[in-house]
Amino acid sequence: LTAQRLPVNLGSAGNYVILSKTGITDVPPSPITGNIASSPITGAAIHVTCAEVTGTISAVDAAGPAPCSLVVPLVLTTAIGDMGTAYTDAAGRTIPDFTELGAGNISGKTLVPGLYKWSSNVLVDATGFTLSGGPNAVWIFQIAGDLTLADNALVTLAGGARANNVFWQVGGPTAVTLGKGSRFYGTILSAKQVIMTAGAALIGRALAQTQVTLISNAITSP
């Protein structure tokens, strides 16, 4: 049995389903349920319309999407700081329960709760994978490389597992990429960008140190 892990403390970054430093690109429609923001870049880099978001859009200046965006630079400075703290927390967890599982290919696997660590890229083919555990179970994934979900890869939650207790710390040089038509769960803490291709769905959060790319994606708060 793996030890019960404490969830990653997201602080005020947890108030957002998308939070980035260098903007959010979008090919509509991308129905988003939850709050989104970008900082410290100007609000002009948030290319999401008010109609797409059931929640708030926050920016550092008045250049954000009109007429709905909030101008809350101090709030966002705190949230971006909390995002960095959460990334460091997730990356700093020690004594993993699983190391280099599947040599970075977790396709078709059922993953029990715990701390997982890879020194490589992690990829998932169209088989998808399953997270199986109870409602209080926690998964933390430390990925030194990139995380790539193939087109139509579906992640499944089993046994009462909750997206809110799943954390993906991705340090790769490129990004997290969710393939066309894929479905993913959890909070993504990316050192770089999060790229969602056409029709990919995220039940969780995209918290990116650079940008978030949307192409007609559904994003839902966990």
C-alpha atoms as a PDB file:
ATOM      1  CA  LEU A   1       0.000   0.000   0.000  1.00  0.00           C
ATOM      2  CA  THR A   2       1.253   3.459  -0.837  1.00  0.00           C
ATOM      3  CA  ALA A   3       1.260   6.147   1.816  1.00  0.00           C
ATOM      4  CA  GLN A   4      -1.613   8.627   1.683  1.00  0.00           C
ATOM      5  CA  ARG A   5      -0.278  11.754   0.013  1.00  0.00           C
ATOM      6  CA  LEU A   6      -1.319  15.287   0.877  1.00  0.00           C
ATOM      7  CA  PRO A   7      -2.823  17.219  -2.039  1.00  0.00           C
ATOM      8  CA  VAL A   8      -0.722  19.973  -3.583  1.00  0.00           C
ATOM      9  CA  ASN A   9      -1.708  23.319  -2.064  1.00  0.00           C
ATOM     10  CA  LEU A  10      -2.659  25.514  -5.009  1.00  0.00           C
ATOM     11  CA  GLY A  11      -3.391  28.590  -2.909  1.00  0.00           C
ATOM     12  CA  SER A  12      -5.321  31.221  -4.862  1.00  0.00           C
ATOM     13  CA  ALA A  13      -4.195  29.625  -8.161  1.00  0.00           C
ATOM     14  CA  GLY A  14      -6.832  27.000  -7.399  1.00  0.00           C
ATOM     15  CA  ASN A  15      -9.505  29.631  -8.070  1.00  0.00           C
ATOM     16  CA  TYR A  16      -8.787  29.341 -11.805  1.00  0.00           C
ATOM     17  CA  VAL A  17      -9.271  26.617 -14.407  1.00  0.00           C
ATOM     18  CA  ILE A  18      -6.833  28.422 -16.720  1.00  0.00           C
ATOM     19  CA  LEU A  19      -3.981  30.551 -15.397  1.00  0.00           C
ATOM     20  CA  SER A  20      -1.007  31.513 -17.537  1.00  0.00           C
ATOM     21  CA  LYS A  21       1.801  34.037 -17.663  1.00  0.00           C
ATOM     22  CA  THR A  22       1.951  34.810 -21.389  1.00  0.00           C
ATOM     23  CA  GLY A  23      -1.622  34.576 -22.633  1.00  0.00           C
ATOM     24  CA  ILE A  24      -4.403  32.297 -23.809  1.00  0.00           C
ATOM     25  CA  THR A  25      -5.008  31.632 -27.508  1.00  0.00           C
ATOM     26  CA  ASP A  26      -8.347  30.291 -28.648  1.00  0.00           C
ATOM     27  CA  VAL A  27     -10.184  28.951 -31.660  1.00  0.00           C
ATOM     28  CA  PRO A  28     -13.826  29.140 -30.541  1.00  0.00           C
ATOM     29  CA  PRO A  29     -16.048  27.776 -29.341  1.00  0.00           C
ATOM     30  CA  SER A  30     -14.283  26.693 -26.157  1.00  0.00           C
ATOM     31  CA  PRO A  31     -16.903  26.326 -23.410  1.00  0.00           C
ATOM     32  CA  ILE A  32     -15.129  26.996 -20.116  1.00  0.00           C
ATOM     33  CA  THR A  33     -16.739  26.456 -16.726  1.00  0.00           C
ATOM     34  CA  GLY A  34     -14.582  28.241 -14.170  1.00  0.00           C
ATOM     35  CA  ASN A  35     -12.416  31.350 -13.913  1.00  0.00           C
ATOM     36  CA  ILE A  36      -9.547  32.173 -16.274  1.00  0.00           C
ATOM     37  CA  ALA A  37      -6.708  34.699 -16.142  1.00  0.00           C
ATOM     38  CA  SER A  38      -3.312  35.646 -17.481  1.00  0.00           C
ATOM     39  CA  SER A  39      -0.586  37.716 -15.807  1.00  0.00           C
ATOM     40  CA  PRO A  40       1.762  39.583 -16.040  1.00  0.00           C
ATOM     41  CA  ILE A  41       1.100  39.895 -19.787  1.00  0.00           C
ATOM     42  CA  THR A  42      -1.483  42.427 -20.942  1.00  0.00           C
ATOM     43  CA  GLY A  43      -5.114  41.391 -21.124  1.00  0.00           C
ATOM     44  CA  ALA A  44      -4.892  41.765 -24.905  1.00  0.00           C
ATOM     45  CA  ALA A  45      -3.177  38.346 -24.878  1.00  0.00           C
ATOM     46  CA  ILE A  46      -6.347  36.669 -23.588  1.00  0.00           C
ATOM     47  CA  HIS A  47      -8.111  35.610 -26.808  1.00  0.00           C
ATOM     48  CA  VAL A  48     -11.204  34.127 -25.211  1.00  0.00           C
ATOM     49  CA  THR A  49     -14.613  35.753 -25.535  1.00  0.00           C
ATOM     50  CA  CYS A  50     -16.866  36.583 -22.616  1.00  0.00           C
ATOM     51  CA  ALA A  51     -19.585  34.319 -24.033  1.00  0.00           C
ATOM     52  CA  GLU A  52     -17.346  31.245 -23.807  1.00  0.00           C
ATOM     53  CA  VAL A  53     -16.697  31.543 -20.072  1.00  0.00           C
ATOM     54  CA  THR A  54     -19.103  30.602 -17.296  1.00  0.00           C
ATOM     55  CA  GLY A  55     -16.985  32.325 -14.667  1.00  0.00           C
ATOM     56  CA  THR A  56     -14.711  35.356 -14.625  1.00  0.00           C
ATOM     57  CA  ILE A  57     -11.959  36.540 -16.954  1.00  0.00           C
ATOM     58  CA  SER A  58      -9.231  38.457 -15.105  1.00  0.00           C
ATOM     59  CA  ALA A  59      -6.443  40.590 -16.523  1.00  0.00           C
ATOM     60  CA  VAL A  60      -3.799  43.037 -15.304  1.00  0.00           C
ATOM     61  CA  ASP A  61      -5.195  45.906 -17.395  1.00  0.00           C
ATOM     62  CA  ALA A  62      -8.279  47.068 -19.271  1.00  0.00           C
ATOM     63  CA  ALA A  63      -7.195  45.379 -22.529  1.00  0.00           C
ATOM     64  CA  GLY A  64      -8.834  42.076 -21.573  1.00  0.00           C
ATOM     65  CA  PRO A  65     -11.928  40.676 -23.319  1.00  0.00           C
ATOM     66  CA  ALA A  66     -14.743  43.229 -23.321  1.00  0.00           C
ATOM     67  CA  PRO A  67     -17.006  43.902 -21.620  1.00  0.00           C
ATOM     68  CA  CYS A  68     -16.612  41.252 -18.969  1.00  0.00           C
ATOM     69  CA  SER A  69     -12.975  41.144 -17.909  1.00  0.00           C
ATOM     70  CA  LEU A  70     -11.920  42.180 -14.439  1.00  0.00           C
ATOM     71  CA  VAL A  71      -8.865  44.368 -13.894  1.00  0.00           C
ATOM     72  CA  VAL A  72      -7.215  42.847 -10.800  1.00  0.00           C
ATOM     73  CA  PRO A  73      -3.425  43.028 -11.155  1.00  0.00           C
ATOM     74  CA  LEU A  74      -2.636  42.524  -7.470  1.00  0.00           C
ATOM     75  CA  VAL A  75      -4.941  39.506  -7.192  1.00  0.00           C
ATOM     76  CA  LEU A  76      -3.235  37.994 -10.224  1.00  0.00           C
ATOM     77  CA  THR A  77       0.266  38.658  -8.933  1.00  0.00           C
ATOM     78  CA  THR A  78      -0.656  36.610  -5.871  1.00  0.00           C
ATOM     79  CA  ALA A  79      -2.247  33.846  -7.946  1.00  0.00           C
ATOM     80  CA  ILE A  80       0.788  33.570 -10.247  1.00  0.00           C
ATOM     81  CA  GLY A  81       3.024  33.407  -7.184  1.00  0.00           C
ATOM     82  CA  ASP A  82       0.841  30.670  -5.708  1.00  0.00           C
ATOM     83  CA  MET A  83       1.035  28.765  -9.004  1.00  0.00           C
ATOM     84  CA  GLY A  84       4.819  28.817  -8.778  1.00  0.00           C
ATOM     85  CA  THR A  85       4.732  27.702  -5.154  1.00  0.00           C
ATOM     86  CA  ALA A  86       2.409  24.814  -6.070  1.00  0.00           C
ATOM     87  CA  TYR A  87       4.712  23.757  -8.908  1.00  0.00           C
ATOM     88  CA  THR A  88       7.684  23.741  -6.535  1.00  0.00           C
ATOM     89  CA  ASP A  89       5.673  21.779  -3.953  1.00  0.00           C
ATOM     90  CA  ALA A  90       4.674  19.117  -6.484  1.00  0.00           C
ATOM     91  CA  ALA A  91       8.177  18.882  -7.932  1.00  0.00           C
ATOM     92  CA  GLY A  92       9.745  18.628  -4.489  1.00  0.00           C
ATOM     93  CA  ARG A  93       7.770  15.675  -3.151  1.00  0.00           C
ATOM     94  CA  THR A  94      10.177  12.915  -2.178  1.00  0.00           C
ATOM     95  CA  ILE A  95      10.340   9.110  -2.076  1.00  0.00           C
ATOM     96  CA  PRO A  96       8.129   8.224  -5.037  1.00  0.00           C
ATOM     97  CA  ASP A  97       5.978   5.110  -4.898  1.00  0.00           C
ATOM     98  CA  PHE A  98       6.636   4.438  -8.597  1.00  0.00           C
ATOM     99  CA  THR A  99       9.677   5.449 -10.666  1.00  0.00           C
ATOM    100  CA  GLU A 100       9.930   5.320 -14.479  1.00  0.00           C
ATOM    101  CA  LEU A 101       6.699   3.308 -14.695  1.00  0.00           C
ATOM    102  CA  GLY A 102       6.274   1.822 -18.159  1.00  0.00           C
ATOM    103  CA  ALA A 103       9.448   3.635 -19.254  1.00  0.00           C
ATOM    104  CA  GLY A 104       7.170   6.646 -19.677  1.00  0.00           C
ATOM    105  CA  ASN A 105       4.349   4.897 -21.532  1.00  0.00           C
ATOM    106  CA  ILE A 106       1.353   4.541 -19.226  1.00  0.00           C
ATOM    107  CA  SER A 107      -1.125   3.518 -21.943  1.00  0.00           C
ATOM    108  CA  GLY A 108      -3.619   0.912 -20.789  1.00  0.00           C
ATOM    109  CA  LYS A 109      -2.476   1.000 -17.185  1.00  0.00           C
ATOM    110  CA  THR A 110      -4.546   1.331 -14.024  1.00  0.00           C
ATOM    111  CA  LEU A 111      -2.747   3.712 -11.687  1.00  0.00           C
ATOM    112  CA  VAL A 112      -3.326   3.498  -7.949  1.00  0.00           C
ATOM    113  CA  PRO A 113      -2.886   6.571  -5.732  1.00  0.00           C
ATOM    114  CA  GLY A 114       0.635   7.701  -4.955  1.00  0.00           C
ATOM    115  CA  LEU A 115       3.653   9.674  -6.119  1.00  0.00           C
ATOM    116  CA  TYR A 116       4.946   8.836  -9.607  1.00  0.00           C
ATOM    117  CA  LYS A 117       8.252  10.073 -11.020  1.00  0.00           C
ATOM    118  CA  TRP A 118       9.747  10.010 -14.518  1.00  0.00           C
ATOM    119  CA  SER A 119      13.047  11.387 -15.808  1.00  0.00           C
ATOM    120  CA  SER A 120      11.675  11.162 -19.364  1.00  0.00           C
ATOM    121  CA  ASN A 121       8.705  12.168 -21.464  1.00  0.00           C
ATOM    122  CA  VAL A 122       5.374  10.524 -20.633  1.00  0.00           C
ATOM    123  CA  LEU A 123       3.007   9.485 -23.389  1.00  0.00           C
ATOM    124  CA  VAL A 124      -0.439   7.969 -23.602  1.00  0.00           C
ATOM    125  CA  ASP A 125      -1.741   6.316 -26.765  1.00  0.00           C
ATOM    126  CA  ALA A 126      -5.394   5.991 -27.774  1.00  0.00           C
ATOM    127  CA  THR A 127      -5.831   3.198 -25.209  1.00  0.00           C
ATOM    128  CA  GLY A 128      -5.913   5.819 -22.438  1.00  0.00           C
ATOM    129  CA  PHE A 129      -5.437   4.868 -18.794  1.00  0.00           C
ATOM    130  CA  THR A 130      -7.373   4.661 -15.525  1.00  0.00           C
ATOM    131  CA  LEU A 131      -6.914   6.328 -12.145  1.00  0.00           C
ATOM    132  CA  SER A 132      -8.434   4.020  -9.534  1.00  0.00           C
ATOM    133  CA  GLY A 133      -8.890   5.044  -5.907  1.00  0.00           C
ATOM    134  CA  GLY A 134     -11.335   6.486  -3.418  1.00  0.00           C
ATOM    135  CA  PRO A 135     -12.630  10.056  -3.105  1.00  0.00           C
ATOM    136  CA  ASN A 136      -9.773  11.082  -0.792  1.00  0.00           C
ATOM    137  CA  ALA A 137      -7.016   9.375  -2.783  1.00  0.00           C
ATOM    138  CA  VAL A 138      -4.261  11.636  -4.179  1.00  0.00           C
ATOM    139  CA  TRP A 139      -2.103  11.226  -7.283  1.00  0.00           C
ATOM    140  CA  ILE A 140       0.987  13.351  -7.909  1.00  0.00           C
ATOM    141  CA  PHE A 141       2.911  12.895 -11.155  1.00  0.00           C
ATOM    142  CA  GLN A 142       6.426  14.348 -11.501  1.00  0.00           C
ATOM    143  CA  ILE A 143       7.424  14.397 -15.169  1.00  0.00           C
ATOM    144  CA  ALA A 144      10.829  15.787 -16.140  1.00  0.00           C
ATOM    145  CA  GLY A 145      10.001  15.705 -19.850  1.00  0.00           C
ATOM    146  CA  ASP A 146       6.848  16.487 -21.827  1.00  0.00           C
ATOM    147  CA  LEU A 147       3.406  14.937 -21.369  1.00  0.00           C
ATOM    148  CA  THR A 148       1.570  13.930 -24.549  1.00  0.00           C
ATOM    149  CA  LEU A 149      -1.894  12.411 -24.888  1.00  0.00           C
ATOM    150  CA  ALA A 150      -2.632  10.858 -28.280  1.00  0.00           C
ATOM    151  CA  ASP A 151      -5.767  11.689 -30.234  1.00  0.00           C
ATOM    152  CA  ASN A 152      -8.883  10.132 -28.686  1.00  0.00           C
ATOM    153  CA  ALA A 153      -7.051   8.984 -25.540  1.00  0.00           C
ATOM    154  CA  LEU A 154      -9.561   8.868 -22.707  1.00  0.00           C
ATOM    155  CA  VAL A 155      -8.539   8.994 -19.066  1.00  0.00           C
ATOM    156  CA  THR A 156     -10.999   7.231 -16.754  1.00  0.00           C
ATOM    157  CA  LEU A 157     -11.612   7.778 -13.047  1.00  0.00           C
ATOM    158  CA  ALA A 158     -12.642   4.697 -11.071  1.00  0.00           C
ATOM    159  CA  GLY A 159     -13.590   3.891  -7.481  1.00  0.00           C
ATOM    160  CA  GLY A 160     -14.739   7.409  -6.645  1.00  0.00           C
ATOM    161  CA  ALA A 161     -11.464   9.102  -7.668  1.00  0.00           C
ATOM    162  CA  ARG A 162     -11.757  12.883  -7.982  1.00  0.00           C
ATOM    163  CA  ALA A 163     -10.055  15.147 -10.527  1.00  0.00           C
ATOM    164  CA  ASN A 164      -9.420  17.675  -7.747  1.00  0.00           C
ATOM    165  CA  ASN A 165      -6.910  15.257  -6.166  1.00  0.00           C
ATOM    166  CA  VAL A 166      -4.836  14.634  -9.301  1.00  0.00           C
ATOM    167  CA  PHE A 167      -1.734  16.767  -9.965  1.00  0.00           C
ATOM    168  CA  TRP A 168       0.560  16.720 -13.019  1.00  0.00           C
ATOM    169  CA  GLN A 169       3.878  18.559 -12.556  1.00  0.00           C
ATOM    170  CA  VAL A 170       5.446  18.721 -16.015  1.00  0.00           C
ATOM    171  CA  GLY A 171       8.894  20.227 -16.459  1.00  0.00           C
ATOM    172  CA  GLY A 172       9.481  19.373 -20.112  1.00  0.00           C
ATOM    173  CA  PRO A 173      11.083  21.709 -22.616  1.00  0.00           C
ATOM    174  CA  THR A 174       8.010  21.862 -24.834  1.00  0.00           C
ATOM    175  CA  ALA A 175       4.675  21.361 -23.191  1.00  0.00           C
ATOM    176  CA  VAL A 176       1.714  19.358 -22.176  1.00  0.00           C
ATOM    177  CA  THR A 177      -0.212  18.367 -25.313  1.00  0.00           C
ATOM    178  CA  LEU A 178      -3.704  16.888 -25.202  1.00  0.00           C
ATOM    179  CA  GLY A 179      -4.557  15.231 -28.522  1.00  0.00           C
ATOM    180  CA  LYS A 180      -7.713  15.698 -30.561  1.00  0.00           C
ATOM    181  CA  GLY A 181     -10.790  14.335 -28.884  1.00  0.00           C
ATOM    182  CA  SER A 182      -8.894  13.263 -25.763  1.00  0.00           C
ATOM    183  CA  ARG A 183     -10.226  13.561 -22.196  1.00  0.00           C
ATOM    184  CA  PHE A 184      -7.964  14.387 -19.279  1.00  0.00           C
ATOM    185  CA  TYR A 185      -8.406  14.847 -15.533  1.00  0.00           C
ATOM    186  CA  GLY A 186      -6.482  16.797 -12.930  1.00  0.00           C
ATOM    187  CA  THR A 187      -4.540  19.982 -12.290  1.00  0.00           C
ATOM    188  CA  ILE A 188      -1.739  20.507 -14.805  1.00  0.00           C
ATOM    189  CA  LEU A 189       1.239  22.447 -13.419  1.00  0.00           C
ATOM    190  CA  SER A 190       3.356  23.061 -16.505  1.00  0.00           C
ATOM    191  CA  ALA A 191       6.762  24.713 -16.592  1.00  0.00           C
ATOM    192  CA  LYS A 192       5.965  25.732 -20.165  1.00  0.00           C
ATOM    193  CA  GLN A 193       2.712  25.705 -22.133  1.00  0.00           C
ATOM    194  CA  VAL A 194      -0.443  23.630 -22.218  1.00  0.00           C
ATOM    195  CA  ILE A 195      -1.655  22.849 -25.743  1.00  0.00           C
ATOM    196  CA  MET A 196      -5.162  21.502 -26.201  1.00  0.00           C
ATOM    197  CA  THR A 197      -5.880  20.353 -29.748  1.00  0.00           C
ATOM    198  CA  ALA A 198      -9.290  20.217 -31.407  1.00  0.00           C
ATOM    199  CA  GLY A 199     -12.026  18.823 -29.205  1.00  0.00           C
ATOM    200  CA  ALA A 200      -9.818  17.801 -26.272  1.00  0.00           C
ATOM    201  CA  ALA A 201     -11.576  18.049 -22.907  1.00  0.00           C
ATOM    202  CA  LEU A 202     -10.065  18.841 -19.524  1.00  0.00           C
ATOM    203  CA  ILE A 203     -11.806  18.292 -16.214  1.00  0.00           C
ATOM    204  CA  GLY A 204      -9.311  20.082 -14.030  1.00  0.00           C
ATOM    205  CA  ARG A 205      -7.007  23.076 -14.402  1.00  0.00           C
ATOM    206  CA  ALA A 206      -4.383  24.267 -16.872  1.00  0.00           C
ATOM    207  CA  LEU A 207      -1.840  26.277 -14.849  1.00  0.00           C
ATOM    208  CA  ALA A 208       0.976  27.219 -17.209  1.00  0.00           C
ATOM    209  CA  GLN A 209       4.204  29.158 -16.786  1.00  0.00           C
ATOM    210  CA  THR A 210       3.894  30.287 -20.426  1.00  0.00           C
ATOM    211  CA  GLN A 211       0.712  30.121 -22.526  1.00  0.00           C
ATOM    212  CA  VAL A 212      -2.397  28.002 -22.872  1.00  0.00           C
ATOM    213  CA  THR A 213      -3.609  27.106 -26.379  1.00  0.00           C
ATOM    214  CA  LEU A 214      -7.281  26.242 -26.915  1.00  0.00           C
ATOM    215  CA  ILE A 215      -8.900  24.839 -30.070  1.00  0.00           C
ATOM    216  CA  SER A 216     -12.627  24.322 -29.425  1.00  0.00           C
ATOM    217  CA  ASN A 217     -12.070  22.686 -26.037  1.00  0.00           C
ATOM    218  CA  ALA A 218     -14.349  22.052 -23.091  1.00  0.00           C
ATOM    219  CA  ILE A 219     -12.703  22.874 -19.773  1.00  0.00           C
ATOM    220  CA  THR A 220     -14.548  22.212 -16.549  1.00  0.00           C
ATOM    221  CA  SER A 221     -13.567  23.022 -12.983  1.00  0.00           C
ATOM    222  CA  PRO A 222     -12.765  19.920 -10.944  1.00  0.00           C
END
